[in-house]
Amino acid sequence: MHQTINVHGFREAFKSMGRADQFSYDALGILFDYLDGDHELDVIAICCAYAEDSPRYIADQYDIDVSDDDEHDDVLDAVLEYLGEKTQIIGVTNAGAVVYNSEF
């Protein structure tokens, strides 16, 4: 049976699967817009394939060359440039976290 859900249902699916803390409210909206289409909703697969992290965390995890003194926007620019070469950037939340495909 095919069932269409809205963004509220998408967010609720993460909550009902015990994954409410996997992404922020804003990030789930970004993912919903990105994944919008005729797909089967697999919360676990989405959690495995996508991540939401701060630019500083991403820079640390992937050894992106930024200094401790760099401003948030400079770190964000470096991270977006790096991720843009390696994977898909899904979006940036209002709080400045980056949502990206983490399977690279």
C-alpha atoms as a PDB file:
ATOM      1  CA  MET A   1       0.000   0.000   0.000  1.00  0.00           C
ATOM      2  CA  HIS A   2       1.331   3.411  -0.962  1.00  0.00           C
ATOM      3  CA  GLN A   3       0.912   6.147   1.640  1.00  0.00           C
ATOM      4  CA  THR A   4       1.879   9.788   1.212  1.00  0.00           C
ATOM      5  CA  ILE A   5       3.117  11.617   4.303  1.00  0.00           C
ATOM      6  CA  ASN A   6       3.716  15.269   5.019  1.00  0.00           C
ATOM      7  CA  VAL A   7       6.656  16.757   6.901  1.00  0.00           C
ATOM      8  CA  HIS A   8       4.855  16.269  10.230  1.00  0.00           C
ATOM      9  CA  GLY A   9       4.397  12.560   9.514  1.00  0.00           C
ATOM     10  CA  PHE A  10       8.037  12.344   8.444  1.00  0.00           C
ATOM     11  CA  ARG A  11       9.180  13.838  11.768  1.00  0.00           C
ATOM     12  CA  GLU A  12       6.770  11.594  13.685  1.00  0.00           C
ATOM     13  CA  ALA A  13       8.197   8.502  11.943  1.00  0.00           C
ATOM     14  CA  PHE A  14      11.626   9.299  13.415  1.00  0.00           C
ATOM     15  CA  LYS A  15      10.084   9.782  16.846  1.00  0.00           C
ATOM     16  CA  SER A  16       8.153   6.494  16.711  1.00  0.00           C
ATOM     17  CA  MET A  17      11.329   4.634  15.664  1.00  0.00           C
ATOM     18  CA  GLY A  18      13.239   6.009  18.674  1.00  0.00           C
ATOM     19  CA  ARG A  19      15.309   8.303  16.435  1.00  0.00           C
ATOM     20  CA  ALA A  20      13.891  11.651  17.562  1.00  0.00           C
ATOM     21  CA  ASP A  21      17.365  12.876  18.572  1.00  0.00           C
ATOM     22  CA  GLN A  22      19.111  11.775  15.377  1.00  0.00           C
ATOM     23  CA  PHE A  23      18.351  15.075  13.621  1.00  0.00           C
ATOM     24  CA  SER A  24      17.092  18.459  14.723  1.00  0.00           C
ATOM     25  CA  TYR A  25      13.579  19.578  13.868  1.00  0.00           C
ATOM     26  CA  ASP A  26      15.035  21.887  11.200  1.00  0.00           C
ATOM     27  CA  ALA A  27      17.258  19.152   9.734  1.00  0.00           C
ATOM     28  CA  LEU A  28      14.291  16.792   9.397  1.00  0.00           C
ATOM     29  CA  GLY A  29      12.500  19.468   7.392  1.00  0.00           C
ATOM     30  CA  ILE A  30      15.541  19.829   5.131  1.00  0.00           C
ATOM     31  CA  LEU A  31      15.758  16.052   4.668  1.00  0.00           C
ATOM     32  CA  PHE A  32      12.035  15.805   3.954  1.00  0.00           C
ATOM     33  CA  ASP A  33      12.331  18.428   1.216  1.00  0.00           C
ATOM     34  CA  TYR A  34      15.405  16.720  -0.224  1.00  0.00           C
ATOM     35  CA  LEU A  35      13.913  13.216  -0.177  1.00  0.00           C
ATOM     36  CA  ASP A  36      10.485  14.367  -1.317  1.00  0.00           C
ATOM     37  CA  GLY A  37       9.201  12.030  -3.939  1.00  0.00           C
ATOM     38  CA  ASP A  38       7.947   8.530  -4.390  1.00  0.00           C
ATOM     39  CA  HIS A  39      10.204   6.679  -1.947  1.00  0.00           C
ATOM     40  CA  GLU A  40       9.569   4.164   0.769  1.00  0.00           C
ATOM     41  CA  LEU A  41      10.253   5.759   4.152  1.00  0.00           C
ATOM     42  CA  ASP A  42      13.073   3.853   5.842  1.00  0.00           C
ATOM     43  CA  VAL A  43      14.058   5.819   8.944  1.00  0.00           C
ATOM     44  CA  ILE A  44      17.025   3.581   9.775  1.00  0.00           C
ATOM     45  CA  ALA A  45      18.437   3.841   6.245  1.00  0.00           C
ATOM     46  CA  ILE A  46      18.127   7.635   6.377  1.00  0.00           C
ATOM     47  CA  CYS A  47      19.898   7.691   9.747  1.00  0.00           C
ATOM     48  CA  CYS A  48      22.717   5.588   8.296  1.00  0.00           C
ATOM     49  CA  ALA A  49      23.079   7.595   5.090  1.00  0.00           C
ATOM     50  CA  TYR A  50      22.772  11.173   6.356  1.00  0.00           C
ATOM     51  CA  ALA A  51      24.222  13.190   9.201  1.00  0.00           C
ATOM     52  CA  GLU A  52      23.764  16.562  10.839  1.00  0.00           C
ATOM     53  CA  ASP A  53      26.884  18.017  12.428  1.00  0.00           C
ATOM     54  CA  SER A  54      28.379  21.365  13.307  1.00  0.00           C
ATOM     55  CA  PRO A  55      30.941  22.733  10.858  1.00  0.00           C
ATOM     56  CA  ARG A  56      33.646  22.600  13.536  1.00  0.00           C
ATOM     57  CA  TYR A  57      32.901  18.920  14.262  1.00  0.00           C
ATOM     58  CA  ILE A  58      33.020  18.060  10.556  1.00  0.00           C
ATOM     59  CA  ALA A  59      36.304  19.934  10.167  1.00  0.00           C
ATOM     60  CA  ASP A  60      37.780  17.986  13.083  1.00  0.00           C
ATOM     61  CA  GLN A  61      36.492  14.605  11.872  1.00  0.00           C
ATOM     62  CA  TYR A  62      37.731  14.994   8.303  1.00  0.00           C
ATOM     63  CA  ASP A  63      40.940  16.936   9.029  1.00  0.00           C
ATOM     64  CA  ILE A  64      39.774  19.988   7.101  1.00  0.00           C
ATOM     65  CA  ASP A  65      42.369  22.725   7.360  1.00  0.00           C
ATOM     66  CA  VAL A  66      40.854  25.397   9.607  1.00  0.00           C
ATOM     67  CA  SER A  67      42.352  27.160  12.570  1.00  0.00           C
ATOM     68  CA  ASP A  68      40.884  27.418  16.043  1.00  0.00           C
ATOM     69  CA  ASP A  69      40.645  31.177  15.503  1.00  0.00           C
ATOM     70  CA  ASP A  70      38.539  30.939  12.332  1.00  0.00           C
ATOM     71  CA  GLU A  71      35.072  32.423  12.557  1.00  0.00           C
ATOM     72  CA  HIS A  72      32.025  30.169  12.141  1.00  0.00           C
ATOM     73  CA  ASP A  73      31.397  31.413   8.589  1.00  0.00           C
ATOM     74  CA  ASP A  74      34.995  30.668   7.557  1.00  0.00           C
ATOM     75  CA  VAL A  75      34.796  27.151   8.980  1.00  0.00           C
ATOM     76  CA  LEU A  76      31.406  26.646   7.333  1.00  0.00           C
ATOM     77  CA  ASP A  77      32.785  27.760   3.961  1.00  0.00           C
ATOM     78  CA  ALA A  78      35.755  25.369   4.244  1.00  0.00           C
ATOM     79  CA  VAL A  79      33.482  22.498   5.275  1.00  0.00           C
ATOM     80  CA  LEU A  80      31.006  23.149   2.468  1.00  0.00           C
ATOM     81  CA  GLU A  81      33.837  23.269  -0.060  1.00  0.00           C
ATOM     82  CA  TYR A  82      35.254  19.969   1.225  1.00  0.00           C
ATOM     83  CA  LEU A  83      31.889  18.199   1.390  1.00  0.00           C
ATOM     84  CA  GLY A  84      30.920  19.577  -2.011  1.00  0.00           C
ATOM     85  CA  GLU A  85      33.884  17.725  -3.495  1.00  0.00           C
ATOM     86  CA  LYS A  86      33.271  14.483  -1.584  1.00  0.00           C
ATOM     87  CA  THR A  87      29.518  14.011  -1.184  1.00  0.00           C
ATOM     88  CA  GLN A  88      26.081  15.619  -1.323  1.00  0.00           C
ATOM     89  CA  ILE A  89      25.315  18.603   0.860  1.00  0.00           C
ATOM     90  CA  ILE A  90      21.637  18.475   1.708  1.00  0.00           C
ATOM     91  CA  GLY A  91      21.434  21.825   3.471  1.00  0.00           C
ATOM     92  CA  VAL A  92      22.370  24.000   6.410  1.00  0.00           C
ATOM     93  CA  THR A  93      20.012  24.408   9.357  1.00  0.00           C
ATOM     94  CA  ASN A  94      19.026  27.758  10.828  1.00  0.00           C
ATOM     95  CA  ALA A  95      21.387  26.969  13.719  1.00  0.00           C
ATOM     96  CA  GLY A  96      24.293  26.515  11.288  1.00  0.00           C
ATOM     97  CA  ALA A  97      24.594  22.714  11.326  1.00  0.00           C
ATOM     98  CA  VAL A  98      25.307  20.954   8.041  1.00  0.00           C
ATOM     99  CA  VAL A  99      23.095  18.133   6.794  1.00  0.00           C
ATOM    100  CA  TYR A 100      24.984  15.896   4.369  1.00  0.00           C
ATOM    101  CA  ASN A 101      25.255  12.415   2.911  1.00  0.00           C
ATOM    102  CA  SER A 102      27.730  10.736   5.255  1.00  0.00           C
ATOM    103  CA  GLU A 103      28.342   7.680   3.062  1.00  0.00           C
ATOM    104  CA  PHE A 104      31.619   8.663   1.435  1.00  0.00           C
END
